[in-house]
């Protein structure tokens, strides 16, 4: 999955914190099979709370982000905010989704790309307008940039929203990447995170409602320039070799941490369902001198600073959630 928890001093950021599991047979329609759902679903608040408690409780989460607004990224965002009071940043669609779950509108900030947000003292986030995986021919309802323009209406029979990508959970106008720059006690370090991407149109403008939001690669180059960077310490992302071969020459990361390869349906509490298989991307990263650092289990933890990326023991959190350590 794509869920992440960053802890920078007293600032705790959860990105794409999807813990609920909507079953695969709930979805149907469209080339992706994900366009529609057979009924409305509600977030699993108890499951989200158990993860929050393992992280240290409400004070451990002070900011929420969504990379895009499909159900497997934003379905639990309102629940996280309800449990923590944390503000959110994401697409217009994400903000409308959480309003449908009775979260105040002013708690969610719409980011279109190009913003520089002071998340905390010494931590700046540059928003990069990005695309979604796939292409317009194979899975248009999943790939093409679509926003909601009104809050979805909860199911009148029992509440809940329709999770289909052509229902209440379109992608939110493509996707958003986040470039972070931290001023640590020993110097500056940085990382870029994106949760979906397509090589098919990574250099083509994202147009929504007649508004040109720029091409993903050009937007990333602009964010790097705005941040005064010619390289980053870490890239957290997905996309395989076709994407890596285009993104690495912009980022020149020292490390790459892959996410979102492990499927959508397995219960979160069962742990990571399969290990990362590098293949062609692994060979490419080796050739260009980028260190590949795949997770082996949910809640694997690393420390990033000017000295590099180092694994940190996190068995206490894993044990609290019942994950096997490996």
Protein backbone atom coordinates (compact mmCIF):
# COMPACT_ATOMS: atom_id res chain seq x y z
CA UNK A 1 0.00 0.00 0.00
CA UNK A 2 0.96 3.67 -0.06
CA UNK A 3 0.37 4.65 3.56
CA UNK A 4 3.23 6.44 5.30
CA UNK A 5 3.89 8.04 8.66
CA UNK A 6 6.58 10.71 8.94
CA UNK A 7 7.77 11.99 12.30
CA UNK A 8 9.79 15.20 12.14
CA UNK A 9 10.32 16.49 15.65
CA UNK A 10 6.85 17.07 17.05
CA UNK A 11 5.22 16.94 13.62
CA UNK A 12 3.56 13.67 12.61
CA UNK A 13 2.31 13.31 9.03
CA UNK A 14 0.13 10.48 7.74
CA UNK A 15 -0.12 10.15 3.96
CA UNK A 16 -2.76 7.98 2.26
CA UNK A 17 -3.70 6.25 5.51
CA UNK A 18 -6.08 3.62 4.11
CA UNK A 19 -6.61 0.93 6.78
CA UNK A 20 -10.20 -0.13 6.06
CA UNK A 21 -10.53 -3.00 3.59
CA UNK A 22 -13.35 -2.90 1.06
CA UNK A 23 -13.60 -6.37 -0.52
CA UNK A 24 -12.64 -6.92 -4.15
CA UNK A 25 -16.03 -8.36 -5.04
CA UNK A 26 -17.65 -5.06 -4.09
CA UNK A 27 -16.25 -3.49 -7.28
CA UNK A 28 -17.35 -3.87 -10.88
CA UNK A 29 -17.43 -2.04 -14.20
CA UNK A 30 -15.06 -0.23 -16.52
CA UNK A 31 -11.87 -1.68 -18.00
CA UNK A 32 -10.27 -1.55 -14.54
CA UNK A 33 -13.17 -3.36 -12.86
CA UNK A 34 -13.07 -0.59 -10.24
CA UNK A 35 -15.54 1.91 -11.66
CA UNK A 36 -18.51 1.13 -9.42
CA UNK A 37 -19.50 -0.60 -6.19
CA UNK A 38 -22.49 -2.72 -5.29
CA UNK A 39 -23.25 -0.73 -2.14
CA UNK A 40 -21.95 2.05 0.06
CA UNK A 41 -19.26 1.40 2.70
CA UNK A 42 -18.19 3.15 5.89
CA UNK A 43 -14.63 3.43 7.23
CA UNK A 44 -13.49 0.90 9.81
CA UNK A 45 -12.99 3.35 12.65
CA UNK A 46 -11.81 0.69 15.10
CA UNK A 47 -9.06 -0.44 12.72
CA UNK A 48 -7.88 3.14 12.17
CA UNK A 49 -7.91 3.77 15.92
CA UNK A 50 -5.79 0.67 16.57
CA UNK A 51 -3.12 1.94 14.18
CA UNK A 52 -3.28 5.42 15.69
CA UNK A 53 -2.87 3.98 19.18
CA UNK A 54 0.15 1.94 18.05
CA UNK A 55 1.74 5.11 16.66
CA UNK A 56 1.33 6.84 20.02
CA UNK A 57 -2.20 8.25 19.99
CA UNK A 58 -3.70 11.45 18.57
CA UNK A 59 -0.65 13.61 19.30
CA UNK A 60 1.41 11.44 16.92
CA UNK A 61 -0.55 12.71 13.90
CA UNK A 62 -0.67 16.47 13.32
CA UNK A 63 -1.07 16.64 9.51
CA UNK A 64 -2.82 14.47 6.91
CA UNK A 65 -2.01 14.24 3.20
CA UNK A 66 -3.51 12.40 0.26
CA UNK A 67 -1.55 11.75 -2.90
CA UNK A 68 -4.81 11.19 -4.75
CA UNK A 69 -8.43 10.51 -3.95
CA UNK A 70 -9.15 6.91 -4.91
CA UNK A 71 -10.64 4.85 -2.09
CA UNK A 72 -7.36 3.02 -1.37
CA UNK A 73 -5.75 6.37 -0.51
CA UNK A 74 -8.40 8.70 0.91
CA UNK A 75 -11.23 6.49 2.22
CA UNK A 76 -10.04 6.80 5.84
CA UNK A 77 -8.79 10.40 5.73
CA UNK A 78 -11.90 11.81 7.43
CA UNK A 79 -11.63 9.17 10.17
CA UNK A 80 -7.99 10.05 10.85
CA UNK A 81 -8.98 13.71 11.13
CA UNK A 82 -11.94 12.95 13.38
CA UNK A 83 -9.71 10.97 15.76
CA UNK A 84 -6.86 13.48 15.82
CA UNK A 85 -8.26 16.87 14.82
CA UNK A 86 -5.44 17.06 12.26
CA UNK A 87 -5.79 19.33 9.22
CA UNK A 88 -5.58 17.87 5.72
CA UNK A 89 -3.99 18.75 2.39
CA UNK A 90 -5.09 17.17 -0.86
CA UNK A 91 -7.20 17.55 -3.97
CA UNK A 92 -10.53 19.32 -4.18
CA UNK A 93 -12.04 15.83 -4.32
CA UNK A 94 -10.44 14.77 -1.03
CA UNK A 95 -11.76 17.88 0.68
CA UNK A 96 -15.28 17.23 -0.61
CA UNK A 97 -15.10 13.58 0.44
CA UNK A 98 -14.26 14.50 4.03
CA UNK A 99 -17.00 17.13 4.08
CA UNK A 100 -19.43 14.34 3.19
CA UNK A 101 -18.30 12.67 6.44
CA UNK A 102 -19.06 15.80 8.49
CA UNK A 103 -15.49 17.14 8.75
CA UNK A 104 -15.49 20.97 8.74
CA UNK A 105 -14.57 22.39 5.34
CA UNK A 106 -11.91 24.68 6.82
CA UNK A 107 -9.95 21.69 8.10
CA UNK A 108 -9.00 20.63 4.54
CA UNK A 109 -6.79 22.71 2.25
CA UNK A 110 -7.04 22.17 -1.50
CA UNK A 111 -3.62 22.00 -3.18
CA UNK A 112 -3.46 22.22 -6.97
CA UNK A 113 0.32 21.99 -7.36
CA UNK A 114 3.01 24.63 -7.11
CA UNK A 115 2.34 25.51 -3.46
CA UNK A 116 5.09 25.76 -0.84
CA UNK A 117 3.64 24.94 2.58
CA UNK A 118 5.44 25.55 5.87
CA UNK A 119 4.30 22.35 7.61
CA UNK A 120 6.34 23.10 10.71
CA UNK A 121 9.32 25.16 11.71
CA UNK A 122 12.20 23.98 9.53
CA UNK A 123 10.00 21.74 7.35
CA UNK A 124 8.66 22.93 3.99
CA UNK A 125 6.49 20.89 1.63
CA UNK A 126 6.40 21.66 -2.10
CA UNK A 127 3.29 20.31 -3.85
CA UNK A 128 3.86 18.74 -7.27
CA UNK A 129 0.90 18.20 -9.60
CA UNK A 130 1.26 14.63 -10.81
CA UNK A 131 -0.60 12.04 -12.87
CA UNK A 132 -2.13 8.63 -12.11
CA UNK A 133 -1.02 5.23 -13.34
CA UNK A 134 -2.42 3.62 -16.49
CA UNK A 135 -3.53 5.46 -19.61
CA UNK A 136 -6.62 6.78 -21.35
CA UNK A 137 -7.04 3.70 -23.53
CA UNK A 138 -6.67 0.88 -21.00
CA UNK A 139 -8.33 2.32 -17.88
CA UNK A 140 -9.64 5.85 -18.50
CA UNK A 141 -11.96 5.85 -15.47
CA UNK A 142 -8.95 5.20 -13.22
CA UNK A 143 -6.27 7.19 -15.04
CA UNK A 144 -7.87 10.31 -16.54
CA UNK A 145 -7.79 13.35 -14.21
CA UNK A 146 -11.25 13.83 -12.67
CA UNK A 147 -12.35 15.98 -9.73
CA UNK A 148 -15.57 16.08 -7.75
CA UNK A 149 -17.32 19.45 -7.73
CA UNK A 150 -19.77 18.80 -4.89
CA UNK A 151 -19.60 16.74 -1.73
CA UNK A 152 -20.89 13.19 -2.23
CA UNK A 153 -24.21 12.31 -0.64
CA UNK A 154 -23.93 9.57 2.01
CA UNK A 155 -26.11 6.54 1.44
CA UNK A 156 -29.59 7.31 2.85
CA UNK A 157 -30.04 3.74 4.03
CA UNK A 158 -27.16 3.66 6.47
CA UNK A 159 -24.54 6.23 5.59
CA UNK A 160 -21.27 5.50 3.84
CA UNK A 161 -19.94 6.41 0.42
CA UNK A 162 -19.57 4.62 -2.90
CA UNK A 163 -15.90 3.76 -3.32
CA UNK A 164 -15.78 3.25 -7.09
CA UNK A 165 -13.32 5.34 -9.09
CA UNK A 166 -16.24 6.52 -11.24
CA UNK A 167 -18.41 7.17 -8.17
CA UNK A 168 -17.48 9.10 -4.99
CA UNK A 169 -13.73 8.36 -5.28
CA UNK A 170 -12.27 9.62 -8.58
CA UNK A 171 -8.55 10.30 -8.57
CA UNK A 172 -8.85 14.01 -7.77
CA UNK A 173 -7.51 15.54 -10.96
CA UNK A 174 -4.62 13.13 -11.37
CA UNK A 175 -2.40 12.97 -8.29
CA UNK A 176 -0.14 15.05 -6.04
CA UNK A 177 3.49 14.45 -5.20
CA UNK A 178 5.12 16.04 -2.15
CA UNK A 179 8.70 17.31 -2.01
CA UNK A 180 9.87 17.86 1.57
CA UNK A 181 12.87 19.93 2.66
CA UNK A 182 13.92 19.74 6.30
CA UNK A 183 16.45 21.94 8.07
CA UNK A 184 17.96 19.51 10.56
CA UNK A 185 20.42 20.33 13.34
CA UNK A 186 23.30 19.08 11.17
CA UNK A 187 22.10 20.45 7.84
CA UNK A 188 19.46 20.26 5.14
CA UNK A 189 17.97 17.03 3.77
CA UNK A 190 15.06 16.27 1.46
CA UNK A 191 12.74 13.61 0.08
CA UNK A 192 10.11 13.30 -2.64
CA UNK A 193 7.03 11.09 -2.31
CA UNK A 194 4.45 10.08 -4.93
CA UNK A 195 1.86 7.34 -4.70
CA UNK A 196 0.97 6.71 -8.35
CA UNK A 197 2.34 7.66 -11.77
CA UNK A 198 2.08 6.83 -15.45
CA UNK A 199 5.03 6.88 -17.84
CA UNK A 200 2.54 7.17 -20.71
CA UNK A 201 1.90 10.89 -20.19
CA UNK A 202 4.43 11.93 -17.56
CA UNK A 203 5.62 14.70 -19.88
CA UNK A 204 2.13 15.82 -20.99
CA UNK A 205 0.02 18.53 -19.33
CA UNK A 206 -2.69 17.56 -16.84
CA UNK A 207 -5.84 19.37 -17.91
CA UNK A 208 -8.95 19.47 -15.71
CA UNK A 209 -11.97 21.58 -16.56
CA UNK A 210 -9.98 23.43 -19.20
CA UNK A 211 -7.22 24.37 -16.73
CA UNK A 212 -3.67 23.32 -17.62
CA UNK A 213 -1.87 22.15 -14.47
CA UNK A 214 1.42 21.41 -16.22
CA UNK A 215 3.20 18.15 -17.00
CA UNK A 216 4.38 16.00 -14.07
CA UNK A 217 8.08 16.04 -14.97
CA UNK A 218 8.08 19.78 -15.63
CA UNK A 219 6.21 20.33 -12.36
CA UNK A 220 8.81 18.29 -10.49
CA UNK A 221 11.64 20.25 -12.07
CA UNK A 222 9.92 23.48 -11.03
CA UNK A 223 9.50 22.27 -7.44
CA UNK A 224 13.16 21.27 -7.27
CA UNK A 225 14.13 24.74 -8.50
CA UNK A 226 11.80 26.45 -6.02
CA UNK A 227 13.36 24.40 -3.22
CA UNK A 228 16.89 25.20 -4.40
CA UNK A 229 17.70 21.52 -4.91
CA UNK A 230 19.68 19.70 -7.59
CA UNK A 231 19.18 16.31 -5.89
CA UNK A 232 17.24 14.70 -3.05
CA UNK A 233 18.31 12.26 -0.40
CA UNK A 234 15.33 9.93 -0.81
CA UNK A 235 12.63 9.12 -3.35
CA UNK A 236 9.57 7.25 -2.02
CA UNK A 237 7.44 6.10 -4.91
CA UNK A 238 6.18 3.65 -7.47
CA UNK A 239 6.11 3.17 -11.22
CA UNK A 240 8.79 0.66 -12.22
CA UNK A 241 11.63 1.14 -14.68
CA UNK A 242 9.77 3.28 -17.27
CA UNK A 243 9.09 5.87 -14.59
CA UNK A 244 12.40 5.56 -12.75
CA UNK A 245 14.35 6.20 -15.94
CA UNK A 246 12.51 9.52 -16.34
CA UNK A 247 12.35 10.63 -12.70
CA UNK A 248 15.85 9.74 -11.49
CA UNK A 249 17.54 12.28 -13.84
CA UNK A 250 15.41 14.99 -12.20
CA UNK A 251 15.77 13.88 -8.57
CA UNK A 252 19.13 12.06 -8.49
CA UNK A 253 18.19 10.43 -5.17
CA UNK A 254 20.66 8.57 -2.97
CA UNK A 255 17.95 6.10 -1.92
CA UNK A 256 14.71 4.73 -3.36
CA UNK A 257 12.00 3.28 -1.12
CA UNK A 258 9.28 1.52 -3.18
CA UNK A 259 5.62 1.58 -2.14
CA UNK A 260 2.24 0.44 -3.50
CA UNK A 261 3.26 -2.89 -5.06
CA UNK A 262 1.52 -5.26 -2.63
CA UNK A 263 -2.13 -5.26 -3.69
CA UNK A 264 -5.39 -3.76 -2.47
CA UNK A 265 -7.41 -6.49 -0.84
CA UNK A 266 -5.43 -8.34 1.83
CA UNK A 267 -6.37 -7.45 5.43
CA UNK A 268 -4.07 -4.80 6.88
CA UNK A 269 -3.76 -6.72 10.15
CA UNK A 270 -2.29 -9.71 8.25
CA UNK A 271 0.82 -7.66 7.44
CA UNK A 272 2.65 -7.19 4.17
CA UNK A 273 1.35 -9.86 1.80
CA UNK A 274 4.45 -10.25 -0.36
CA UNK A 275 7.98 -8.92 -0.60
CA UNK A 276 9.10 -6.42 -3.21
CA UNK A 277 10.50 -7.99 -6.38
CA UNK A 278 12.91 -5.51 -7.91
CA UNK A 279 13.58 -6.88 -11.38
CA UNK A 280 14.37 -4.30 -14.03
CA UNK A 281 14.11 -1.28 -11.70
CA UNK A 282 16.58 -2.89 -9.28
CA UNK A 283 19.15 -3.30 -12.06
CA UNK A 284 18.62 0.29 -13.16
CA UNK A 285 19.04 1.68 -9.65
CA UNK A 286 22.24 -0.31 -9.25
CA UNK A 287 23.58 1.07 -12.54
CA UNK A 288 22.90 4.71 -11.59
CA UNK A 289 24.08 4.39 -7.98
CA UNK A 290 20.72 4.62 -6.19
CA UNK A 291 20.37 2.39 -3.14
CA UNK A 292 17.15 0.36 -3.14
CA UNK A 293 15.57 0.03 0.33
CA UNK A 294 12.29 -1.94 0.12
CA UNK A 295 10.13 -2.49 3.20
CA UNK A 296 9.83 -6.07 4.47
CA UNK A 297 6.80 -5.43 6.70
CA UNK A 298 4.24 -2.75 7.46
CA UNK A 299 5.61 -0.29 10.00
CA UNK A 300 9.21 -0.77 8.98
CA UNK A 301 10.98 2.41 10.04
CA UNK A 302 13.96 4.45 8.85
CA UNK A 303 15.76 7.58 9.99
CA UNK A 304 16.68 10.10 7.29
CA UNK A 305 19.13 12.93 7.91
CA UNK A 306 22.21 14.43 6.31
CA UNK A 307 24.14 11.24 7.07
CA UNK A 308 21.77 9.15 4.94
CA UNK A 309 18.98 6.61 5.47
CA UNK A 310 19.29 4.07 8.27
CA UNK A 311 16.84 1.38 9.45
CA UNK A 312 15.47 1.84 12.96
CA UNK A 313 13.93 -0.88 15.11
CA UNK A 314 10.17 -0.52 15.29
CA UNK A 315 9.20 -3.86 16.80
CA UNK A 316 7.15 -2.20 19.54
CA UNK A 317 4.68 -0.77 17.01
CA UNK A 318 4.68 -3.96 14.92
CA UNK A 319 4.02 -6.11 17.96
CA UNK A 320 1.19 -3.82 19.06
CA UNK A 321 -0.48 -4.46 15.70
CA UNK A 322 0.28 -8.18 15.69
CA UNK A 323 2.71 -8.09 12.74
CA UNK A 324 5.41 -10.72 12.44
CA UNK A 325 8.80 -9.07 12.51
CA UNK A 326 11.14 -9.81 9.64
